[in-house]
Amino acid sequence: MSEHPPSTLLHSAFYRFVPIADPVATADALRLLAGDLTGSVVVAHEGINGTVAGTLGAVAAFEAALQDTLDGALRGMPFKHSACATAPFGRLKVSVKPEIVALGLPDTLPAPDEHDASHLAPAAWRELLARDDVVLLDNRNHFEVRLGCFRGAVDPQVHNFRDFVAWVQAHAPAWRAANRPVAMYCTGGIRCDKTAPWLRSLGLDVFQLEGGILNYFRQLPDAHRDWQGECFVFDNRVALDTGLRETSTTAQQVFDESHPDEAWRLQRARRLDGAGD
């Protein structure tokens, strides 16, 4: 676990879709920049996706240095912060992978646009939730939805992302025929940014929650009005409430060992290797 007392730790989550010519060299540079931080960072030709934790000063220094890499292409990248009662990671892992979020979508889709008009700030998202023609789609794993979700959200029962693809393809014709827009959300926004161009290719009108669930909790003190349960996070804290406070929920309470996909996740959590997800 981290050498820092848990009460001093800050968790920072970030991502950006930006072309990276040499992911291996970028990953090497990030390992040096991170210093004593712990966490998980993924680098690919399509961009960077990471979560790190450390003291307030160490996290701030890393964020500033990170935005000066890649010729400044990461400047202005949002960082989502939350405090830590438990050290969220045990070590730092920087990986080079084919995608920064593995969804297996067609390569011919337009690049994700993190700033297009489909992104709704939390207050505008709340107004959208009041409409009765909207399909409120949870773009996360089934175990995450089971722990907590927006009231009225549809759970596609995702255990593998291909489940999400097949489920949307089966329902898209009816949504198109009824002119129903899709309001899609995920934890931090990255799944929705990656998925939105594909949904549009199916002829759907798509809205996204800007910054995801974590930003909604941060921006709206009364987020509990719209949210039921807790929000799963892929680190040792397991779950947060709408005030971004760690709850007492354990991995054993989150995962269903009778399902193979959740059983291996529970085994990994029990190892407490701190690699993140």
C-alpha atoms as a PDB file:
ATOM      1  CA  MET A   1       0.000   0.000   0.000  1.00  0.00           C
ATOM      2  CA  SER A   2       1.035   3.641  -0.264  1.00  0.00           C
ATOM      3  CA  GLU A   3       3.466   5.007   2.284  1.00  0.00           C
ATOM      4  CA  HIS A   4       1.293   8.117   2.672  1.00  0.00           C
ATOM      5  CA  PRO A   5      -1.253   8.154   5.504  1.00  0.00           C
ATOM      6  CA  PRO A   6      -4.678   7.563   3.891  1.00  0.00           C
ATOM      7  CA  SER A   7      -6.065  10.828   5.261  1.00  0.00           C
ATOM      8  CA  THR A   8      -3.616  12.788   3.096  1.00  0.00           C
ATOM      9  CA  LEU A   9      -4.389  10.999  -0.157  1.00  0.00           C
ATOM     10  CA  LEU A  10      -6.127  12.502  -3.165  1.00  0.00           C
ATOM     11  CA  HIS A  11      -7.489  10.420  -6.054  1.00  0.00           C
ATOM     12  CA  SER A  12      -7.325  11.905  -9.558  1.00  0.00           C
ATOM     13  CA  ALA A  13      -8.983  10.420 -12.666  1.00  0.00           C
ATOM     14  CA  PHE A  14      -8.370  11.714 -16.192  1.00  0.00           C
ATOM     15  CA  TYR A  15      -8.468  10.825 -19.876  1.00  0.00           C
ATOM     16  CA  ARG A  16      -8.131  12.402 -23.269  1.00  0.00           C
ATOM     17  CA  PHE A  17      -8.538  11.130 -26.800  1.00  0.00           C
ATOM     18  CA  VAL A  18      -5.518  12.526 -28.617  1.00  0.00           C
ATOM     19  CA  PRO A  19      -3.225  10.935 -31.236  1.00  0.00           C
ATOM     20  CA  ILE A  20      -0.045   9.562 -29.641  1.00  0.00           C
ATOM     21  CA  ALA A  21       2.605   8.578 -32.185  1.00  0.00           C
ATOM     22  CA  ASP A  22       4.798   6.629 -29.754  1.00  0.00           C
ATOM     23  CA  PRO A  23       2.778   5.176 -26.851  1.00  0.00           C
ATOM     24  CA  VAL A  24       5.776   3.241 -25.505  1.00  0.00           C
ATOM     25  CA  ALA A  25       7.943   6.358 -25.177  1.00  0.00           C
ATOM     26  CA  THR A  26       5.000   8.251 -23.668  1.00  0.00           C
ATOM     27  CA  ALA A  27       4.452   5.495 -21.096  1.00  0.00           C
ATOM     28  CA  ASP A  28       8.145   5.606 -20.150  1.00  0.00           C
ATOM     29  CA  ALA A  29       7.928   9.370 -19.670  1.00  0.00           C
ATOM     30  CA  LEU A  30       4.806   9.042 -17.507  1.00  0.00           C
ATOM     31  CA  ARG A  31       6.508   6.567 -15.187  1.00  0.00           C
ATOM     32  CA  LEU A  32       9.174   9.172 -14.498  1.00  0.00           C
ATOM     33  CA  LEU A  33       6.643  11.983 -14.064  1.00  0.00           C
ATOM     34  CA  ALA A  34       4.527   9.979 -11.611  1.00  0.00           C
ATOM     35  CA  GLY A  35       7.258   9.657  -9.008  1.00  0.00           C
ATOM     36  CA  ASP A  36       5.786   8.165  -5.825  1.00  0.00           C
ATOM     37  CA  LEU A  37       2.192   8.215  -7.042  1.00  0.00           C
ATOM     38  CA  THR A  38       0.258   4.966  -7.233  1.00  0.00           C
ATOM     39  CA  GLY A  39      -2.454   4.086  -9.718  1.00  0.00           C
ATOM     40  CA  SER A  40      -3.101   2.809 -13.221  1.00  0.00           C
ATOM     41  CA  VAL A  41      -2.463   4.611 -16.508  1.00  0.00           C
ATOM     42  CA  VAL A  42      -3.175   3.246 -19.983  1.00  0.00           C
ATOM     43  CA  VAL A  43      -1.547   4.728 -23.085  1.00  0.00           C
ATOM     44  CA  ALA A  44      -2.553   3.913 -26.660  1.00  0.00           C
ATOM     45  CA  HIS A  45      -2.322   5.502 -30.085  1.00  0.00           C
ATOM     46  CA  GLU A  46      -5.791   6.980 -29.436  1.00  0.00           C
ATOM     47  CA  GLY A  47      -4.898   8.726 -26.159  1.00  0.00           C
ATOM     48  CA  ILE A  48      -4.422   8.364 -22.408  1.00  0.00           C
ATOM     49  CA  ASN A  49      -6.647   7.134 -19.577  1.00  0.00           C
ATOM     50  CA  GLY A  50      -5.562   7.082 -15.959  1.00  0.00           C
ATOM     51  CA  THR A  51      -6.258   7.178 -12.250  1.00  0.00           C
ATOM     52  CA  VAL A  52      -3.562   8.081  -9.747  1.00  0.00           C
ATOM     53  CA  ALA A  53      -3.384   8.784  -6.029  1.00  0.00           C
ATOM     54  CA  GLY A  54      -0.931  10.528  -3.734  1.00  0.00           C
ATOM     55  CA  THR A  55      -0.529  13.580  -1.558  1.00  0.00           C
ATOM     56  CA  LEU A  56      -2.218  16.763  -2.696  1.00  0.00           C
ATOM     57  CA  GLY A  57       1.122  18.295  -3.672  1.00  0.00           C
ATOM     58  CA  ALA A  58       2.336  15.232  -5.546  1.00  0.00           C
ATOM     59  CA  VAL A  59      -0.908  14.915  -7.507  1.00  0.00           C
ATOM     60  CA  ALA A  60      -0.899  18.624  -8.384  1.00  0.00           C
ATOM     61  CA  ALA A  61       2.715  18.439  -9.575  1.00  0.00           C
ATOM     62  CA  PHE A  62       1.984  15.395 -11.714  1.00  0.00           C
ATOM     63  CA  GLU A  63      -1.088  16.991 -13.278  1.00  0.00           C
ATOM     64  CA  ALA A  64       0.862  20.128 -14.159  1.00  0.00           C
ATOM     65  CA  ALA A  65       3.747  18.150 -15.652  1.00  0.00           C
ATOM     66  CA  LEU A  66       1.399  15.831 -17.546  1.00  0.00           C
ATOM     67  CA  GLN A  67      -0.217  18.754 -19.335  1.00  0.00           C
ATOM     68  CA  ASP A  68       3.178  19.846 -20.631  1.00  0.00           C
ATOM     69  CA  THR A  69       3.799  16.493 -22.336  1.00  0.00           C
ATOM     70  CA  LEU A  70       2.855  15.626 -25.931  1.00  0.00           C
ATOM     71  CA  ASP A  71       3.557  19.209 -27.036  1.00  0.00           C
ATOM     72  CA  GLY A  72       0.782  20.492 -24.797  1.00  0.00           C
ATOM     73  CA  ALA A  73      -1.951  18.298 -26.313  1.00  0.00           C
ATOM     74  CA  LEU A  74      -3.180  17.436 -22.807  1.00  0.00           C
ATOM     75  CA  ARG A  75      -3.538  21.024 -21.582  1.00  0.00           C
ATOM     76  CA  GLY A  76      -6.963  21.723 -20.161  1.00  0.00           C
ATOM     77  CA  MET A  77      -7.663  18.031 -19.631  1.00  0.00           C
ATOM     78  CA  PRO A  78     -10.203  17.684 -16.788  1.00  0.00           C
ATOM     79  CA  PHE A  79      -9.093  15.951 -13.596  1.00  0.00           C
ATOM     80  CA  LYS A  80     -11.794  14.445 -11.367  1.00  0.00           C
ATOM     81  CA  HIS A  81     -10.742  14.504  -7.722  1.00  0.00           C
ATOM     82  CA  SER A  82     -11.994  12.639  -4.682  1.00  0.00           C
ATOM     83  CA  ALA A  83     -10.582  12.177  -1.187  1.00  0.00           C
ATOM     84  CA  CYS A  84      -9.413   8.808   0.085  1.00  0.00           C
ATOM     85  CA  ALA A  85     -10.033   7.177   3.448  1.00  0.00           C
ATOM     86  CA  THR A  86      -8.428   4.016   2.050  1.00  0.00           C
ATOM     87  CA  ALA A  87      -5.300   4.052  -0.094  1.00  0.00           C
ATOM     88  CA  PRO A  88      -6.881   3.248  -3.480  1.00  0.00           C
ATOM     89  CA  PHE A  89      -3.857   1.583  -5.078  1.00  0.00           C
ATOM     90  CA  GLY A  90      -0.848  -0.414  -3.975  1.00  0.00           C
ATOM     91  CA  ARG A  91       1.532   0.506  -6.777  1.00  0.00           C
ATOM     92  CA  LEU A  92       1.828   2.335 -10.090  1.00  0.00           C
ATOM     93  CA  LYS A  93       1.079   0.503 -13.330  1.00  0.00           C
ATOM     94  CA  VAL A  94       1.566   2.217 -16.694  1.00  0.00           C
ATOM     95  CA  SER A  95       0.461   0.046 -19.620  1.00  0.00           C
ATOM     96  CA  VAL A  96       0.544   0.344 -23.396  1.00  0.00           C
ATOM     97  CA  LYS A  97      -2.584  -1.151 -24.965  1.00  0.00           C
ATOM     98  CA  PRO A  98      -4.443  -1.083 -28.305  1.00  0.00           C
ATOM     99  CA  GLU A  99      -7.227   1.094 -26.817  1.00  0.00           C
ATOM    100  CA  ILE A 100      -7.447   3.308 -23.740  1.00  0.00           C
ATOM    101  CA  VAL A 101     -10.836   1.745 -23.073  1.00  0.00           C
ATOM    102  CA  ALA A 102     -11.366  -1.660 -24.659  1.00  0.00           C
ATOM    103  CA  LEU A 103     -14.766  -1.695 -26.336  1.00  0.00           C
ATOM    104  CA  GLY A 104     -14.084  -3.494 -29.611  1.00  0.00           C
ATOM    105  CA  LEU A 105     -16.072  -1.061 -31.769  1.00  0.00           C
ATOM    106  CA  PRO A 106     -15.525  -0.707 -35.543  1.00  0.00           C
ATOM    107  CA  ASP A 107     -12.311   1.073 -36.560  1.00  0.00           C
ATOM    108  CA  THR A 108     -14.175   3.091 -39.209  1.00  0.00           C
ATOM    109  CA  LEU A 109     -16.059   5.250 -36.705  1.00  0.00           C
ATOM    110  CA  PRO A 110     -15.283   8.961 -36.305  1.00  0.00           C
ATOM    111  CA  ALA A 111     -12.873   9.823 -33.502  1.00  0.00           C
ATOM    112  CA  PRO A 112     -14.522  10.589 -30.151  1.00  0.00           C
ATOM    113  CA  ASP A 113     -15.205  14.274 -29.515  1.00  0.00           C
ATOM    114  CA  GLU A 114     -15.068  15.147 -25.814  1.00  0.00           C
ATOM    115  CA  HIS A 115     -16.530  18.609 -26.389  1.00  0.00           C
ATOM    116  CA  ASP A 116     -19.368  18.190 -28.874  1.00  0.00           C
ATOM    117  CA  ALA A 117     -22.895  19.426 -28.224  1.00  0.00           C
ATOM    118  CA  SER A 118     -24.106  16.020 -27.029  1.00  0.00           C
ATOM    119  CA  HIS A 119     -22.332  16.595 -23.686  1.00  0.00           C
ATOM    120  CA  LEU A 120     -24.702  17.964 -21.060  1.00  0.00           C
ATOM    121  CA  ALA A 121     -23.561  19.641 -17.852  1.00  0.00           C
ATOM    122  CA  PRO A 122     -25.107  18.147 -14.697  1.00  0.00           C
ATOM    123  CA  ALA A 123     -27.871  20.779 -14.415  1.00  0.00           C
ATOM    124  CA  ALA A 124     -28.908  20.260 -18.055  1.00  0.00           C
ATOM    125  CA  TRP A 125     -28.724  16.491 -17.569  1.00  0.00           C
ATOM    126  CA  ARG A 126     -31.162  16.776 -14.663  1.00  0.00           C
ATOM    127  CA  GLU A 127     -33.600  18.619 -16.911  1.00  0.00           C
ATOM    128  CA  LEU A 128     -33.254  15.894 -19.555  1.00  0.00           C
ATOM    129  CA  LEU A 129     -34.070  13.214 -16.964  1.00  0.00           C
ATOM    130  CA  ALA A 130     -37.473  14.836 -16.464  1.00  0.00           C
ATOM    131  CA  ARG A 131     -38.506  14.063 -20.059  1.00  0.00           C
ATOM    132  CA  ASP A 132     -40.611  10.951 -20.593  1.00  0.00           C
ATOM    133  CA  ASP A 133     -39.417  10.223 -24.132  1.00  0.00           C
ATOM    134  CA  VAL A 134     -35.746   9.672 -23.270  1.00  0.00           C
ATOM    135  CA  VAL A 135     -34.036   6.288 -23.070  1.00  0.00           C
ATOM    136  CA  LEU A 136     -31.814   6.604 -19.993  1.00  0.00           C
ATOM    137  CA  LEU A 137     -29.010   4.167 -20.763  1.00  0.00           C
ATOM    138  CA  ASP A 138     -26.409   3.027 -18.217  1.00  0.00           C
ATOM    139  CA  ASN A 139     -23.155   2.351 -20.080  1.00  0.00           C
ATOM    140  CA  ARG A 140     -21.455   0.274 -17.366  1.00  0.00           C
ATOM    141  CA  ASN A 141     -21.130  -3.313 -16.211  1.00  0.00           C
ATOM    142  CA  HIS A 142     -24.122  -5.040 -14.653  1.00  0.00           C
ATOM    143  CA  PHE A 143     -22.501  -5.233 -11.208  1.00  0.00           C
ATOM    144  CA  GLU A 144     -21.975  -1.466 -11.262  1.00  0.00           C
ATOM    145  CA  VAL A 145     -25.606  -0.810 -12.147  1.00  0.00           C
ATOM    146  CA  ARG A 146     -26.709  -3.243  -9.456  1.00  0.00           C
ATOM    147  CA  LEU A 147     -24.820  -1.232  -6.822  1.00  0.00           C
ATOM    148  CA  GLY A 148     -26.254   2.121  -7.899  1.00  0.00           C
ATOM    149  CA  CYS A 149     -27.675   4.032 -10.860  1.00  0.00           C
ATOM    150  CA  PHE A 150     -29.774   7.000 -11.921  1.00  0.00           C
ATOM    151  CA  ARG A 151     -33.420   6.454 -11.082  1.00  0.00           C
ATOM    152  CA  GLY A 152     -35.228   5.018 -14.074  1.00  0.00           C
ATOM    153  CA  ALA A 153     -32.063   3.939 -15.882  1.00  0.00           C
ATOM    154  CA  VAL A 154     -32.052   0.935 -18.197  1.00  0.00           C
ATOM    155  CA  ASP A 155     -29.551  -1.823 -17.332  1.00  0.00           C
ATOM    156  CA  PRO A 156     -28.334  -3.617 -20.507  1.00  0.00           C
ATOM    157  CA  GLN A 157     -27.026  -6.478 -18.305  1.00  0.00           C
ATOM    158  CA  VAL A 158     -23.439  -6.085 -19.494  1.00  0.00           C
ATOM    159  CA  HIS A 159     -20.945  -8.747 -18.391  1.00  0.00           C
ATOM    160  CA  ASN A 160     -18.771  -8.293 -21.477  1.00  0.00           C
ATOM    161  CA  PHE A 161     -18.907  -5.260 -23.727  1.00  0.00           C
ATOM    162  CA  ARG A 162     -20.180  -7.348 -26.634  1.00  0.00           C
ATOM    163  CA  ASP A 163     -23.336  -7.719 -24.518  1.00  0.00           C
ATOM    164  CA  PHE A 164     -23.812  -3.940 -24.711  1.00  0.00           C
ATOM    165  CA  VAL A 165     -23.300  -3.893 -28.475  1.00  0.00           C
ATOM    166  CA  ALA A 166     -25.808  -6.702 -29.071  1.00  0.00           C
ATOM    167  CA  TRP A 167     -28.355  -5.198 -26.670  1.00  0.00           C
ATOM    168  CA  VAL A 168     -28.242  -1.753 -28.283  1.00  0.00           C
ATOM    169  CA  GLN A 169     -28.448  -3.229 -31.786  1.00  0.00           C
ATOM    170  CA  ALA A 170     -31.558  -5.153 -30.760  1.00  0.00           C
ATOM    171  CA  HIS A 171     -33.313  -2.075 -29.352  1.00  0.00           C
ATOM    172  CA  ALA A 172     -32.117   0.694 -31.694  1.00  0.00           C
ATOM    173  CA  PRO A 173     -34.782   0.139 -34.399  1.00  0.00           C
ATOM    174  CA  ALA A 174     -37.620   0.682 -31.907  1.00  0.00           C
ATOM    175  CA  TRP A 175     -35.942   3.778 -30.465  1.00  0.00           C
ATOM    176  CA  ARG A 176     -35.477   5.237 -33.959  1.00  0.00           C
ATOM    177  CA  ALA A 177     -39.060   4.500 -34.915  1.00  0.00           C
ATOM    178  CA  ALA A 178     -40.358   6.242 -31.796  1.00  0.00           C
ATOM    179  CA  ASN A 179     -37.904   9.180 -32.176  1.00  0.00           C
ATOM    180  CA  ARG A 180     -36.568   8.487 -28.694  1.00  0.00           C
ATOM    181  CA  PRO A 181     -33.220  10.127 -27.884  1.00  0.00           C
ATOM    182  CA  VAL A 182     -30.664   8.158 -25.866  1.00  0.00           C
ATOM    183  CA  ALA A 183     -29.236   9.759 -22.720  1.00  0.00           C
ATOM    184  CA  MET A 184     -26.106   7.771 -21.873  1.00  0.00           C
ATOM    185  CA  TYR A 185     -23.866   7.914 -18.811  1.00  0.00           C
ATOM    186  CA  CYS A 186     -20.895   6.130 -17.260  1.00  0.00           C
ATOM    187  CA  THR A 187     -18.551   6.685 -14.302  1.00  0.00           C
ATOM    188  CA  GLY A 188     -16.182   9.291 -15.718  1.00  0.00           C
ATOM    189  CA  GLY A 189     -17.320   9.812 -19.293  1.00  0.00           C
ATOM    190  CA  ILE A 190     -14.796   7.795 -21.282  1.00  0.00           C
ATOM    191  CA  ARG A 191     -17.051   4.875 -22.218  1.00  0.00           C
ATOM    192  CA  CYS A 192     -19.716   7.277 -23.442  1.00  0.00           C
ATOM    193  CA  ASP A 193     -17.252   9.346 -25.459  1.00  0.00           C
ATOM    194  CA  LYS A 194     -16.002   6.184 -27.159  1.00  0.00           C
ATOM    195  CA  THR A 195     -19.494   4.744 -27.696  1.00  0.00           C
ATOM    196  CA  ALA A 196     -21.358   7.865 -28.873  1.00  0.00           C
ATOM    197  CA  PRO A 197     -20.079   7.837 -32.502  1.00  0.00           C
ATOM    198  CA  TRP A 198     -21.191   4.200 -32.817  1.00  0.00           C
ATOM    199  CA  LEU A 199     -24.689   4.954 -31.494  1.00  0.00           C
ATOM    200  CA  ARG A 200     -24.962   7.831 -33.952  1.00  0.00           C
ATOM    201  CA  SER A 201     -23.962   5.461 -36.767  1.00  0.00           C
ATOM    202  CA  LEU A 202     -27.109   3.509 -35.856  1.00  0.00           C
ATOM    203  CA  GLY A 203     -29.218   6.606 -36.516  1.00  0.00           C
ATOM    204  CA  LEU A 204     -29.751   7.498 -32.854  1.00  0.00           C
ATOM    205  CA  ASP A 205     -29.874  10.952 -31.276  1.00  0.00           C
ATOM    206  CA  VAL A 206     -27.395  10.781 -28.386  1.00  0.00           C
ATOM    207  CA  PHE A 207     -26.800  12.845 -25.248  1.00  0.00           C
ATOM    208  CA  GLN A 208     -24.018  12.249 -22.714  1.00  0.00           C
ATOM    209  CA  LEU A 209     -23.474  13.274 -19.101  1.00  0.00           C
ATOM    210  CA  GLU A 210     -20.433  15.544 -19.169  1.00  0.00           C
ATOM    211  CA  GLY A 211     -17.750  14.182 -16.854  1.00  0.00           C
ATOM    212  CA  GLY A 212     -19.868  11.185 -15.941  1.00  0.00           C
ATOM    213  CA  ILE A 213     -21.336  10.212 -12.592  1.00  0.00           C
ATOM    214  CA  LEU A 214     -18.376  11.542 -10.612  1.00  0.00           C
ATOM    215  CA  ASN A 215     -18.804  15.025 -12.071  1.00  0.00           C
ATOM    216  CA  TYR A 216     -22.542  14.901 -11.351  1.00  0.00           C
ATOM    217  CA  PHE A 217     -21.840  14.110  -7.702  1.00  0.00           C
ATOM    218  CA  ARG A 218     -19.230  16.871  -7.525  1.00  0.00           C
ATOM    219  CA  GLN A 219     -21.400  19.540  -9.134  1.00  0.00           C
ATOM    220  CA  LEU A 220     -24.750  18.839  -7.436  1.00  0.00           C
ATOM    221  CA  PRO A 221     -24.891  18.600  -3.625  1.00  0.00           C
ATOM    222  CA  ASP A 222     -28.392  17.108  -3.932  1.00  0.00           C
ATOM    223  CA  ALA A 223     -27.399  14.436  -6.466  1.00  0.00           C
ATOM    224  CA  HIS A 224     -29.135  11.890  -4.236  1.00  0.00           C
ATOM    225  CA  ARG A 225     -32.440  13.201  -5.652  1.00  0.00           C
ATOM    226  CA  ASP A 226     -31.652  11.482  -8.946  1.00  0.00           C
ATOM    227  CA  TRP A 227     -29.308   8.688  -7.870  1.00  0.00           C
ATOM    228  CA  GLN A 228     -30.104   5.536  -5.948  1.00  0.00           C
ATOM    229  CA  GLY A 229     -27.421   3.480  -4.223  1.00  0.00           C
ATOM    230  CA  GLU A 230     -23.670   3.967  -4.528  1.00  0.00           C
ATOM    231  CA  CYS A 231     -21.148   4.376  -7.334  1.00  0.00           C
ATOM    232  CA  PHE A 232     -18.598   1.619  -7.898  1.00  0.00           C
ATOM    233  CA  VAL A 233     -14.993   2.712  -8.427  1.00  0.00           C
ATOM    234  CA  PHE A 234     -12.237   0.477  -9.777  1.00  0.00           C
ATOM    235  CA  ASP A 235      -9.889   0.719  -6.815  1.00  0.00           C
ATOM    236  CA  ASN A 236      -9.543  -0.395  -3.211  1.00  0.00           C
ATOM    237  CA  ARG A 237     -12.180   2.075  -1.999  1.00  0.00           C
ATOM    238  CA  VAL A 238     -14.820  -0.019  -3.838  1.00  0.00           C
ATOM    239  CA  ALA A 239     -17.702   2.507  -3.727  1.00  0.00           C
ATOM    240  CA  LEU A 240     -18.520   6.183  -3.166  1.00  0.00           C
ATOM    241  CA  ASP A 241     -21.737   7.893  -2.101  1.00  0.00           C
ATOM    242  CA  THR A 242     -23.184  10.973  -3.816  1.00  0.00           C
ATOM    243  CA  GLY A 243     -20.947  13.158  -1.631  1.00  0.00           C
ATOM    244  CA  LEU A 244     -17.881  11.393  -3.116  1.00  0.00           C
ATOM    245  CA  ARG A 245     -17.249   9.777   0.278  1.00  0.00           C
ATOM    246  CA  GLU A 246     -16.028   6.217   0.565  1.00  0.00           C
ATOM    247  CA  THR A 247     -18.700   3.842   1.828  1.00  0.00           C
ATOM    248  CA  SER A 248     -18.387   0.671   3.906  1.00  0.00           C
ATOM    249  CA  THR A 249     -19.326  -1.540   0.945  1.00  0.00           C
ATOM    250  CA  THR A 250     -16.873  -4.383   0.334  1.00  0.00           C
ATOM    251  CA  ALA A 251     -15.917  -6.191  -2.855  1.00  0.00           C
ATOM    252  CA  GLN A 252     -17.634  -9.281  -1.478  1.00  0.00           C
ATOM    253  CA  GLN A 253     -20.890  -7.317  -1.379  1.00  0.00           C
ATOM    254  CA  VAL A 254     -20.461  -6.025  -4.936  1.00  0.00           C
ATOM    255  CA  PHE A 255     -19.566  -9.139  -6.911  1.00  0.00           C
ATOM    256  CA  ASP A 256     -21.672 -12.245  -7.445  1.00  0.00           C
ATOM    257  CA  GLU A 257     -19.345 -15.255  -7.324  1.00  0.00           C
ATOM    258  CA  SER A 258     -21.909 -17.393  -9.151  1.00  0.00           C
ATOM    259  CA  HIS A 259     -21.142 -15.460 -12.333  1.00  0.00           C
ATOM    260  CA  PRO A 260     -17.700 -16.227 -13.844  1.00  0.00           C
ATOM    261  CA  ASP A 261     -16.993 -12.640 -14.881  1.00  0.00           C
ATOM    262  CA  GLU A 262     -17.680 -11.329 -11.404  1.00  0.00           C
ATOM    263  CA  ALA A 263     -15.891 -14.222  -9.688  1.00  0.00           C
ATOM    264  CA  TRP A 264     -12.542 -13.325 -11.233  1.00  0.00           C
ATOM    265  CA  ARG A 265     -13.059  -9.671 -10.380  1.00  0.00           C
ATOM    266  CA  LEU A 266     -13.628 -10.635  -6.755  1.00  0.00           C
ATOM    267  CA  GLN A 267     -10.516 -12.802  -6.759  1.00  0.00           C
ATOM    268  CA  ARG A 268      -8.514  -9.889  -8.128  1.00  0.00           C
ATOM    269  CA  ALA A 269      -9.932  -7.540  -5.496  1.00  0.00           C
ATOM    270  CA  ARG A 270      -8.977  -9.982  -2.760  1.00  0.00           C
ATOM    271  CA  ARG A 271      -5.385  -9.971  -3.935  1.00  0.00           C
ATOM    272  CA  LEU A 272      -5.292  -6.219  -3.262  1.00  0.00           C
ATOM    273  CA  ASP A 273      -2.551  -5.783  -5.812  1.00  0.00           C
ATOM    274  CA  GLY A 274      -3.657  -2.178  -6.388  1.00  0.00           C
ATOM    275  CA  ALA A 275      -3.409  -2.398 -10.156  1.00  0.00           C
ATOM    276  CA  GLY A 276      -6.775  -0.689 -10.685  1.00  0.00           C
ATOM    277  CA  ASP A 277      -8.865  -1.086 -13.815  1.00  0.00           C
END
